[in-house]
Amino acid sequence: MIYENLYKIKEKNNDSAIVILANENHPVFKAHFPTKPILPGFIHFDIVSEVFGIDIKTIKKAKFNKMILPLQTITYIRDNNKFKVLCDDIEVASFSL
């Protein structure tokens, strides 16, 4: 695992994965703003790579709509090489590889 203890997998199949993020004490949440812990956007690619066993070589398109905070539950929905990222049933990001 690239970022040890950053998340726990709640559910996973070939087309989706649900992960629960660690608390604000995890070092990755201190990357952007020391007083406002958020998940850096690039971390989504690392999570998808690990969870789905994908070797990411190219990111064709990426859009980040909302900040993701510690302890949130995130759902990654996969459609071939396209991904939607949901938090509380709201699309917070999307990208294609």
PDB file of N, CA and C in Angstrom:
ATOM      1  N   MET A   1       0.848  -1.185   0.000  1.00  0.00           N
ATOM      2  CA  MET A   1       0.000   0.000   0.000  1.00  0.00           C
ATOM      3  C   MET A   1       0.890   1.244   0.000  1.00  0.00           C
ATOM      4  N   ILE A   2       0.639   2.153  -0.907  1.00  0.00           N
ATOM      5  CA  ILE A   2       1.467   3.352  -1.040  1.00  0.00           C
ATOM      6  C   ILE A   2       1.323   4.252   0.178  1.00  0.00           C
ATOM      7  N   TYR A   3       0.135   4.493   0.603  1.00  0.00           N
ATOM      8  CA  TYR A   3      -0.108   5.360   1.753  1.00  0.00           C
ATOM      9  C   TYR A   3      -0.695   4.514   2.870  1.00  0.00           C
ATOM     10  N   GLU A   4       0.193   3.935   3.641  1.00  0.00           N
ATOM     11  CA  GLU A   4      -0.187   3.016   4.719  1.00  0.00           C
ATOM     12  C   GLU A   4      -1.280   3.601   5.599  1.00  0.00           C
ATOM     13  N   ASN A   5      -2.339   2.838   5.792  1.00  0.00           N
ATOM     14  CA  ASN A   5      -3.441   3.190   6.687  1.00  0.00           C
ATOM     15  C   ASN A   5      -4.217   4.446   6.292  1.00  0.00           C
ATOM     16  N   LEU A   6      -4.159   4.852   5.027  1.00  0.00           N
ATOM     17  CA  LEU A   6      -4.914   6.025   4.571  1.00  0.00           C
ATOM     18  C   LEU A   6      -6.398   5.717   4.476  1.00  0.00           C
ATOM     19  N   TYR A   7      -6.729   4.486   4.113  1.00  0.00           N
ATOM     20  CA  TYR A   7      -8.131   4.118   3.947  1.00  0.00           C
ATOM     21  C   TYR A   7      -8.324   2.649   4.270  1.00  0.00           C
ATOM     22  N   LYS A   8      -9.595   2.297   4.502  1.00  0.00           N
ATOM     23  CA  LYS A   8      -9.996   0.911   4.672  1.00  0.00           C
ATOM     24  C   LYS A   8     -11.044   0.616   3.614  1.00  0.00           C
ATOM     25  N   ILE A   9     -10.948  -0.535   3.007  1.00  0.00           N
ATOM     26  CA  ILE A   9     -11.942  -0.938   2.010  1.00  0.00           C
ATOM     27  C   ILE A   9     -13.156  -1.506   2.740  1.00  0.00           C
ATOM     28  N   LYS A  10     -14.298  -0.878   2.493  1.00  0.00           N
ATOM     29  CA  LYS A  10     -15.555  -1.334   3.096  1.00  0.00           C
ATOM     30  C   LYS A  10     -16.209  -2.397   2.218  1.00  0.00           C
ATOM     31  N   GLU A  11     -16.237  -2.135   0.900  1.00  0.00           N
ATOM     32  CA  GLU A  11     -16.790  -3.071  -0.098  1.00  0.00           C
ATOM     33  C   GLU A  11     -16.008  -2.920  -1.376  1.00  0.00           C
ATOM     34  N   LYS A  12     -15.948  -4.002  -2.146  1.00  0.00           N
ATOM     35  CA  LYS A  12     -15.256  -3.927  -3.434  1.00  0.00           C
ATOM     36  C   LYS A  12     -15.743  -5.031  -4.351  1.00  0.00           C
ATOM     37  N   ASN A  13     -15.922  -4.675  -5.630  1.00  0.00           N
ATOM     38  CA  ASN A  13     -16.136  -5.657  -6.684  1.00  0.00           C
ATOM     39  C   ASN A  13     -15.429  -5.130  -7.923  1.00  0.00           C
ATOM     40  N   ASN A  14     -15.648  -5.724  -9.082  1.00  0.00           N
ATOM     41  CA  ASN A  14     -14.945  -5.295 -10.299  1.00  0.00           C
ATOM     42  C   ASN A  14     -15.320  -3.889 -10.756  1.00  0.00           C
ATOM     43  N   ASP A  15     -16.535  -3.446 -10.417  1.00  0.00           N
ATOM     44  CA  ASP A  15     -17.040  -2.175 -10.935  1.00  0.00           C
ATOM     45  C   ASP A  15     -17.102  -1.048  -9.917  1.00  0.00           C
ATOM     46  N   SER A  16     -16.889  -1.354  -8.642  1.00  0.00           N
ATOM     47  CA  SER A  16     -16.955  -0.287  -7.639  1.00  0.00           C
ATOM     48  C   SER A  16     -16.185  -0.673  -6.383  1.00  0.00           C
ATOM     49  N   ALA A  17     -15.868   0.353  -5.634  1.00  0.00           N
ATOM     50  CA  ALA A  17     -15.207   0.148  -4.348  1.00  0.00           C
ATOM     51  C   ALA A  17     -15.641   1.266  -3.413  1.00  0.00           C
ATOM     52  N   ILE A  18     -15.863   0.907  -2.174  1.00  0.00           N
ATOM     53  CA  ILE A  18     -16.206   1.882  -1.144  1.00  0.00           C
ATOM     54  C   ILE A  18     -15.078   1.866  -0.123  1.00  0.00           C
ATOM     55  N   VAL A  19     -14.510   3.045   0.122  1.00  0.00           N
ATOM     56  CA  VAL A  19     -13.413   3.152   1.080  1.00  0.00           C
ATOM     57  C   VAL A  19     -13.741   4.207   2.131  1.00  0.00           C
ATOM     58  N   ILE A  20     -13.220   3.994   3.311  1.00  0.00           N
ATOM     59  CA  ILE A  20     -13.372   4.956   4.404  1.00  0.00           C
ATOM     60  C   ILE A  20     -11.994   5.529   4.695  1.00  0.00           C
ATOM     61  N   LEU A  21     -11.904   6.842   4.675  1.00  0.00           N
ATOM     62  CA  LEU A  21     -10.620   7.509   4.879  1.00  0.00           C
ATOM     63  C   LEU A  21     -10.225   7.567   6.349  1.00  0.00           C
ATOM     64  N   ALA A  22      -8.944   7.706   6.567  1.00  0.00           N
ATOM     65  CA  ALA A  22      -8.388   7.846   7.919  1.00  0.00           C
ATOM     66  C   ALA A  22      -8.737   9.220   8.487  1.00  0.00           C
ATOM     67  N   ASN A  23      -8.374   9.430   9.734  1.00  0.00           N
ATOM     68  CA  ASN A  23      -8.643  10.729  10.363  1.00  0.00           C
ATOM     69  C   ASN A  23      -7.600  11.771   9.948  1.00  0.00           C
ATOM     70  N   GLU A  24      -7.786  12.989  10.409  1.00  0.00           N
ATOM     71  CA  GLU A  24      -6.949  14.120   9.989  1.00  0.00           C
ATOM     72  C   GLU A  24      -5.502  14.008  10.428  1.00  0.00           C
ATOM     73  N   ASN A  25      -5.171  13.063  11.287  1.00  0.00           N
ATOM     74  CA  ASN A  25      -3.790  12.891  11.722  1.00  0.00           C
ATOM     75  C   ASN A  25      -2.914  12.174  10.695  1.00  0.00           C
ATOM     76  N   HIS A  26      -3.538  11.575   9.676  1.00  0.00           N
ATOM     77  CA  HIS A  26      -2.746  10.900   8.646  1.00  0.00           C
ATOM     78  C   HIS A  26      -1.951  11.963   7.872  1.00  0.00           C
ATOM     79  N   PRO A  27      -0.661  11.724   7.609  1.00  0.00           N
ATOM     80  CA  PRO A  27       0.191  12.720   6.945  1.00  0.00           C
ATOM     81  C   PRO A  27      -0.315  13.226   5.599  1.00  0.00           C
ATOM     82  N   VAL A  28      -1.055  12.402   4.842  1.00  0.00           N
ATOM     83  CA  VAL A  28      -1.513  12.834   3.527  1.00  0.00           C
ATOM     84  C   VAL A  28      -2.474  14.025   3.620  1.00  0.00           C
ATOM     85  N   PHE A  29      -3.190  14.153   4.733  1.00  0.00           N
ATOM     86  CA  PHE A  29      -4.141  15.262   4.873  1.00  0.00           C
ATOM     87  C   PHE A  29      -3.465  16.588   5.186  1.00  0.00           C
ATOM     88  N   LYS A  30      -2.194  16.564   5.433  1.00  0.00           N
ATOM     89  CA  LYS A  30      -1.469  17.796   5.733  1.00  0.00           C
ATOM     90  C   LYS A  30      -0.760  18.353   4.496  1.00  0.00           C
ATOM     91  N   ALA A  31      -0.967  17.729   3.355  1.00  0.00           N
ATOM     92  CA  ALA A  31      -0.252  18.103   2.134  1.00  0.00           C
ATOM     93  C   ALA A  31      -0.637  19.478   1.591  1.00  0.00           C
ATOM     94  N   HIS A  32      -1.891  19.861   1.672  1.00  0.00           N
ATOM     95  CA  HIS A  32      -2.319  21.130   1.088  1.00  0.00           C
ATOM     96  C   HIS A  32      -2.363  22.261   2.102  1.00  0.00           C
ATOM     97  N   PHE A  33      -3.204  22.139   3.075  1.00  0.00           N
ATOM     98  CA  PHE A  33      -3.426  23.216   4.032  1.00  0.00           C
ATOM     99  C   PHE A  33      -3.286  22.676   5.448  1.00  0.00           C
ATOM    100  N   PRO A  34      -2.304  23.128   6.198  1.00  0.00           N
ATOM    101  CA  PRO A  34      -2.093  22.589   7.543  1.00  0.00           C
ATOM    102  C   PRO A  34      -3.301  22.750   8.471  1.00  0.00           C
ATOM    103  N   THR A  35      -4.089  23.801   8.295  1.00  0.00           N
ATOM    104  CA  THR A  35      -5.220  24.024   9.194  1.00  0.00           C
ATOM    105  C   THR A  35      -6.543  23.508   8.635  1.00  0.00           C
ATOM    106  N   LYS A  36      -6.559  23.057   7.388  1.00  0.00           N
ATOM    107  CA  LYS A  36      -7.777  22.515   6.778  1.00  0.00           C
ATOM    108  C   LYS A  36      -7.415  21.222   6.045  1.00  0.00           C
ATOM    109  N   PRO A  37      -7.469  20.095   6.742  1.00  0.00           N
ATOM    110  CA  PRO A  37      -7.070  18.836   6.114  1.00  0.00           C
ATOM    111  C   PRO A  37      -8.043  18.395   5.021  1.00  0.00           C
ATOM    112  N   ILE A  38      -7.499  18.187   3.819  1.00  0.00           N
ATOM    113  CA  ILE A  38      -8.288  17.673   2.699  1.00  0.00           C
ATOM    114  C   ILE A  38      -7.480  16.583   1.993  1.00  0.00           C
ATOM    115  N   LEU A  39      -8.170  15.762   1.232  1.00  0.00           N
ATOM    116  CA  LEU A  39      -7.514  14.729   0.457  1.00  0.00           C
ATOM    117  C   LEU A  39      -7.012  15.347  -0.847  1.00  0.00           C
ATOM    118  N   PRO A  40      -5.707  15.332  -1.108  1.00  0.00           N
ATOM    119  CA  PRO A  40      -5.201  15.857  -2.385  1.00  0.00           C
ATOM    120  C   PRO A  40      -5.778  15.059  -3.555  1.00  0.00           C
ATOM    121  N   GLY A  41      -6.117  15.737  -4.621  1.00  0.00           N
ATOM    122  CA  GLY A  41      -6.761  15.093  -5.761  1.00  0.00           C
ATOM    123  C   GLY A  41      -5.970  13.939  -6.353  1.00  0.00           C
ATOM    124  N   PHE A  42      -4.649  14.083  -6.415  1.00  0.00           N
ATOM    125  CA  PHE A  42      -3.843  13.041  -7.047  1.00  0.00           C
ATOM    126  C   PHE A  42      -3.907  11.712  -6.292  1.00  0.00           C
ATOM    127  N   ILE A  43      -4.294  11.746  -5.037  1.00  0.00           N
ATOM    128  CA  ILE A  43      -4.367  10.527  -4.238  1.00  0.00           C
ATOM    129  C   ILE A  43      -5.444   9.582  -4.780  1.00  0.00           C
ATOM    130  N   HIS A  44      -6.478  10.123  -5.432  1.00  0.00           N
ATOM    131  CA  HIS A  44      -7.512   9.266  -6.022  1.00  0.00           C
ATOM    132  C   HIS A  44      -6.889   8.258  -6.989  1.00  0.00           C
ATOM    133  N   PHE A  45      -5.911   8.704  -7.752  1.00  0.00           N
ATOM    134  CA  PHE A  45      -5.282   7.819  -8.731  1.00  0.00           C
ATOM    135  C   PHE A  45      -4.536   6.683  -8.030  1.00  0.00           C
ATOM    136  N   ASP A  46      -3.876   7.016  -6.931  1.00  0.00           N
ATOM    137  CA  ASP A  46      -3.170   5.980  -6.173  1.00  0.00           C
ATOM    138  C   ASP A  46      -4.143   4.981  -5.557  1.00  0.00           C
ATOM    139  N   ILE A  47      -5.246   5.480  -5.024  1.00  0.00           N
ATOM    140  CA  ILE A  47      -6.243   4.589  -4.428  1.00  0.00           C
ATOM    141  C   ILE A  47      -6.821   3.656  -5.490  1.00  0.00           C
ATOM    142  N   VAL A  48      -7.225   4.209  -6.623  1.00  0.00           N
ATOM    143  CA  VAL A  48      -7.791   3.406  -7.718  1.00  0.00           C
ATOM    144  C   VAL A  48      -6.773   2.376  -8.200  1.00  0.00           C
ATOM    145  N   SER A  49      -5.534   2.780  -8.324  1.00  0.00           N
ATOM    146  CA  SER A  49      -4.485   1.868  -8.757  1.00  0.00           C
ATOM    147  C   SER A  49      -4.360   0.684  -7.806  1.00  0.00           C
ATOM    148  N   GLU A  50      -4.348   0.958  -6.529  1.00  0.00           N
ATOM    149  CA  GLU A  50      -4.217  -0.105  -5.527  1.00  0.00           C
ATOM    150  C   GLU A  50      -5.469  -0.972  -5.432  1.00  0.00           C
ATOM    151  N   VAL A  51      -6.622  -0.340  -5.338  1.00  0.00           N
ATOM    152  CA  VAL A  51      -7.868  -1.078  -5.104  1.00  0.00           C
ATOM    153  C   VAL A  51      -8.252  -1.949  -6.304  1.00  0.00           C
ATOM    154  N   PHE A  52      -8.101  -1.403  -7.512  1.00  0.00           N
ATOM    155  CA  PHE A  52      -8.508  -2.137  -8.708  1.00  0.00           C
ATOM    156  C   PHE A  52      -7.350  -2.847  -9.412  1.00  0.00           C
ATOM    157  N   GLY A  53      -6.140  -2.688  -8.895  1.00  0.00           N
ATOM    158  CA  GLY A  53      -4.983  -3.347  -9.496  1.00  0.00           C
ATOM    159  C   GLY A  53      -4.647  -2.834 -10.881  1.00  0.00           C
ATOM    160  N   ILE A  54      -4.745  -1.519 -11.058  1.00  0.00           N
ATOM    161  CA  ILE A  54      -4.503  -0.892 -12.356  1.00  0.00           C
ATOM    162  C   ILE A  54      -3.136  -0.220 -12.344  1.00  0.00           C
ATOM    163  N   ASP A  55      -2.377  -0.412 -13.407  1.00  0.00           N
ATOM    164  CA  ASP A  55      -1.114   0.296 -13.571  1.00  0.00           C
ATOM    165  C   ASP A  55      -1.414   1.543 -14.407  1.00  0.00           C
ATOM    166  N   ILE A  56      -1.511   2.682 -13.754  1.00  0.00           N
ATOM    167  CA  ILE A  56      -1.899   3.916 -14.442  1.00  0.00           C
ATOM    168  C   ILE A  56      -0.693   4.507 -15.147  1.00  0.00           C
ATOM    169  N   LYS A  57      -0.841   4.662 -16.445  1.00  0.00           N
ATOM    170  CA  LYS A  57       0.236   5.243 -17.253  1.00  0.00           C
ATOM    171  C   LYS A  57      -0.117   6.641 -17.734  1.00  0.00           C
ATOM    172  N   THR A  58      -1.406   6.887 -17.976  1.00  0.00           N
ATOM    173  CA  THR A  58      -1.854   8.175 -18.506  1.00  0.00           C
ATOM    174  C   THR A  58      -3.177   8.565 -17.860  1.00  0.00           C
ATOM    175  N   ILE A  59      -3.293   9.832 -17.532  1.00  0.00           N
ATOM    176  CA  ILE A  59      -4.560  10.390 -17.065  1.00  0.00           C
ATOM    177  C   ILE A  59      -5.058  11.284 -18.198  1.00  0.00           C
ATOM    178  N   LYS A  60      -6.151  10.878 -18.825  1.00  0.00           N
ATOM    179  CA  LYS A  60      -6.652  11.612 -19.981  1.00  0.00           C
ATOM    180  C   LYS A  60      -7.433  12.854 -19.577  1.00  0.00           C
ATOM    181  N   LYS A  61      -8.203  12.722 -18.510  1.00  0.00           N
ATOM    182  CA  LYS A  61      -9.066  13.823 -18.089  1.00  0.00           C
ATOM    183  C   LYS A  61      -9.357  13.650 -16.609  1.00  0.00           C
ATOM    184  N   ALA A  62      -9.380  14.757 -15.881  1.00  0.00           N
ATOM    185  CA  ALA A  62      -9.717  14.692 -14.453  1.00  0.00           C
ATOM    186  C   ALA A  62     -10.448  15.967 -14.057  1.00  0.00           C
ATOM    187  N   LYS A  63     -11.471  15.794 -13.244  1.00  0.00           N
ATOM    188  CA  LYS A  63     -12.258  16.931 -12.760  1.00  0.00           C
ATOM    189  C   LYS A  63     -12.547  16.694 -11.283  1.00  0.00           C
ATOM    190  N   PHE A  64     -12.246  17.702 -10.476  1.00  0.00           N
ATOM    191  CA  PHE A  64     -12.476  17.622  -9.038  1.00  0.00           C
ATOM    192  C   PHE A  64     -13.483  18.696  -8.659  1.00  0.00           C
ATOM    193  N   ASN A  65     -14.643  18.267  -8.155  1.00  0.00           N
ATOM    194  CA  ASN A  65     -15.757  19.183  -7.888  1.00  0.00           C
ATOM    195  C   ASN A  65     -15.843  19.660  -6.447  1.00  0.00           C
ATOM    196  N   LYS A  66     -15.460  18.804  -5.511  1.00  0.00           N
ATOM    197  CA  LYS A  66     -15.609  19.131  -4.089  1.00  0.00           C
ATOM    198  C   LYS A  66     -14.412  18.602  -3.312  1.00  0.00           C
ATOM    199  N   MET A  67     -14.140  19.249  -2.203  1.00  0.00           N
ATOM    200  CA  MET A  67     -13.080  18.776  -1.328  1.00  0.00           C
ATOM    201  C   MET A  67     -13.554  17.551  -0.556  1.00  0.00           C
ATOM    202  N   ILE A  68     -12.636  16.651  -0.314  1.00  0.00           N
ATOM    203  CA  ILE A  68     -12.920  15.456   0.463  1.00  0.00           C
ATOM    204  C   ILE A  68     -12.140  15.550   1.766  1.00  0.00           C
ATOM    205  N   LEU A  69     -12.834  15.305   2.850  1.00  0.00           N
ATOM    206  CA  LEU A  69     -12.283  15.489   4.188  1.00  0.00           C
ATOM    207  C   LEU A  69     -11.947  14.153   4.843  1.00  0.00           C
ATOM    208  N   PRO A  70     -11.133  14.185   5.884  1.00  0.00           N
ATOM    209  CA  PRO A  70     -10.843  12.957   6.624  1.00  0.00           C
ATOM    210  C   PRO A  70     -12.123  12.290   7.127  1.00  0.00           C
ATOM    211  N   LEU A  71     -12.051  10.999   7.275  1.00  0.00           N
ATOM    212  CA  LEU A  71     -13.132  10.143   7.791  1.00  0.00           C
ATOM    213  C   LEU A  71     -14.336  10.006   6.855  1.00  0.00           C
ATOM    214  N   GLN A  72     -14.294  10.622   5.695  1.00  0.00           N
ATOM    215  CA  GLN A  72     -15.419  10.481   4.775  1.00  0.00           C
ATOM    216  C   GLN A  72     -15.370   9.117   4.084  1.00  0.00           C
ATOM    217  N   THR A  73     -16.538   8.672   3.656  1.00  0.00           N
ATOM    218  CA  THR A  73     -16.667   7.435   2.893  1.00  0.00           C
ATOM    219  C   THR A  73     -16.773   7.806   1.425  1.00  0.00           C
ATOM    220  N   ILE A  74     -15.938   7.188   0.624  1.00  0.00           N
ATOM    221  CA  ILE A  74     -15.865   7.499  -0.808  1.00  0.00           C
ATOM    222  C   ILE A  74     -16.210   6.244  -1.603  1.00  0.00           C
ATOM    223  N   THR A  75     -17.002   6.433  -2.653  1.00  0.00           N
ATOM    224  CA  THR A  75     -17.326   5.339  -3.565  1.00  0.00           C
ATOM    225  C   THR A  75     -16.691   5.630  -4.917  1.00  0.00           C
ATOM    226  N   TYR A  76     -15.935   4.671  -5.415  1.00  0.00           N
ATOM    227  CA  TYR A  76     -15.345   4.750  -6.755  1.00  0.00           C
ATOM    228  C   TYR A  76     -16.149   3.825  -7.657  1.00  0.00           C
ATOM    229  N   ILE A  77     -16.721   4.386  -8.716  1.00  0.00           N
ATOM    230  CA  ILE A  77     -17.496   3.608  -9.679  1.00  0.00           C
ATOM    231  C   ILE A  77     -16.700   3.552 -10.975  1.00  0.00           C
ATOM    232  N   ARG A  78     -16.450   2.337 -11.419  1.00  0.00           N
ATOM    233  CA  ARG A  78     -15.603   2.116 -12.597  1.00  0.00           C
ATOM    234  C   ARG A  78     -16.441   1.688 -13.790  1.00  0.00           C
ATOM    235  N   ASP A  79     -16.183   2.335 -14.932  1.00  0.00           N
ATOM    236  CA  ASP A  79     -16.771   1.944 -16.213  1.00  0.00           C
ATOM    237  C   ASP A  79     -15.607   1.893 -17.196  1.00  0.00           C
ATOM    238  N   ASN A  80     -15.010   0.714 -17.334  1.00  0.00           N
ATOM    239  CA  ASN A  80     -13.770   0.534 -18.089  1.00  0.00           C
ATOM    240  C   ASN A  80     -12.678   1.418 -17.491  1.00  0.00           C
ATOM    241  N   ASN A  81     -12.230   2.418 -18.223  1.00  0.00           N
ATOM    242  CA  ASN A  81     -11.176   3.301 -17.714  1.00  0.00           C
ATOM    243  C   ASN A  81     -11.707   4.670 -17.292  1.00  0.00           C
ATOM    244  N   LYS A  82     -13.010   4.745 -17.058  1.00  0.00           N
ATOM    245  CA  LYS A  82     -13.620   5.975 -16.550  1.00  0.00           C
ATOM    246  C   LYS A  82     -14.078   5.731 -15.120  1.00  0.00           C
ATOM    247  N   PHE A  83     -13.880   6.725 -14.283  1.00  0.00           N
ATOM    248  CA  PHE A  83     -14.229   6.601 -12.875  1.00  0.00           C
ATOM    249  C   PHE A  83     -15.052   7.793 -12.417  1.00  0.00           C
ATOM    250  N   LYS A  84     -16.059   7.519 -11.613  1.00  0.00           N
ATOM    251  CA  LYS A  84     -16.802   8.545 -10.897  1.00  0.00           C
ATOM    252  C   LYS A  84     -16.477   8.353  -9.432  1.00  0.00           C
ATOM    253  N   VAL A  85     -16.315   9.472  -8.739  1.00  0.00           N
ATOM    254  CA  VAL A  85     -16.018   9.428  -7.312  1.00  0.00           C
ATOM    255  C   VAL A  85     -17.181  10.093  -6.590  1.00  0.00           C
ATOM    256  N   LEU A  86     -17.827   9.334  -5.709  1.00  0.00           N
ATOM    257  CA  LEU A  86     -18.993   9.827  -4.984  1.00  0.00           C
ATOM    258  C   LEU A  86     -18.694   9.910  -3.489  1.00  0.00           C
ATOM    259  N   CYS A  87     -19.272  10.915  -2.877  1.00  0.00           N
ATOM    260  CA  CYS A  87     -19.226  11.059  -1.424  1.00  0.00           C
ATOM    261  C   CYS A  87     -20.617  11.511  -1.010  1.00  0.00           C
ATOM    262  N   ASP A  88     -21.265  10.738  -0.157  1.00  0.00           N
ATOM    263  CA  ASP A  88     -22.655  11.013   0.239  1.00  0.00           C
ATOM    264  C   ASP A  88     -23.565  11.127  -0.978  1.00  0.00           C
ATOM    265  N   ASP A  89     -23.369  10.230  -1.938  1.00  0.00           N
ATOM    266  CA  ASP A  89     -24.157  10.160  -3.172  1.00  0.00           C
ATOM    267  C   ASP A  89     -24.024  11.386  -4.069  1.00  0.00           C
ATOM    268  N   ILE A  90     -23.023  12.217  -3.822  1.00  0.00           N
ATOM    269  CA  ILE A  90     -22.752  13.395  -4.651  1.00  0.00           C
ATOM    270  C   ILE A  90     -21.445  13.158  -5.392  1.00  0.00           C
ATOM    271  N   GLU A  91     -21.436  13.420  -6.709  1.00  0.00           N
ATOM    272  CA  GLU A  91     -20.214  13.245  -7.482  1.00  0.00           C
ATOM    273  C   GLU A  91     -19.224  14.342  -7.091  1.00  0.00           C
ATOM    274  N   VAL A  92     -18.090  13.916  -6.556  1.00  0.00           N
ATOM    275  CA  VAL A  92     -17.077  14.868  -6.099  1.00  0.00           C
ATOM    276  C   VAL A  92     -15.885  14.934  -7.045  1.00  0.00           C
ATOM    277  N   ALA A  93     -15.761  13.941  -7.920  1.00  0.00           N
ATOM    278  CA  ALA A  93     -14.671  13.930  -8.903  1.00  0.00           C
ATOM    279  C   ALA A  93     -14.995  12.914  -9.979  1.00  0.00           C
ATOM    280  N   SER A  94     -14.304  13.059 -11.106  1.00  0.00           N
ATOM    281  CA  SER A  94     -14.388  12.076 -12.176  1.00  0.00           C
ATOM    282  C   SER A  94     -13.094  12.140 -12.958  1.00  0.00           C
ATOM    283  N   PHE A  95     -12.727  11.015 -13.535  1.00  0.00           N
ATOM    284  CA  PHE A  95     -11.509  11.010 -14.344  1.00  0.00           C
ATOM    285  C   PHE A  95     -11.512   9.814 -15.267  1.00  0.00           C
ATOM    286  N   SER A  96     -10.714   9.929 -16.321  1.00  0.00           N
ATOM    287  CA  SER A  96     -10.548   8.816 -17.262  1.00  0.00           C
ATOM    288  C   SER A  96      -9.063   8.574 -17.460  1.00  0.00           C
ATOM    289  N   LEU A  97      -8.757   7.306 -17.614  1.00  0.00           N
ATOM    290  CA  LEU A  97      -7.363   6.882 -17.739  1.00  0.00           C
ATOM    291  C   LEU A  97      -7.086   6.371 -19.124  1.00  0.00           C
TER     292      LEU A  97
END
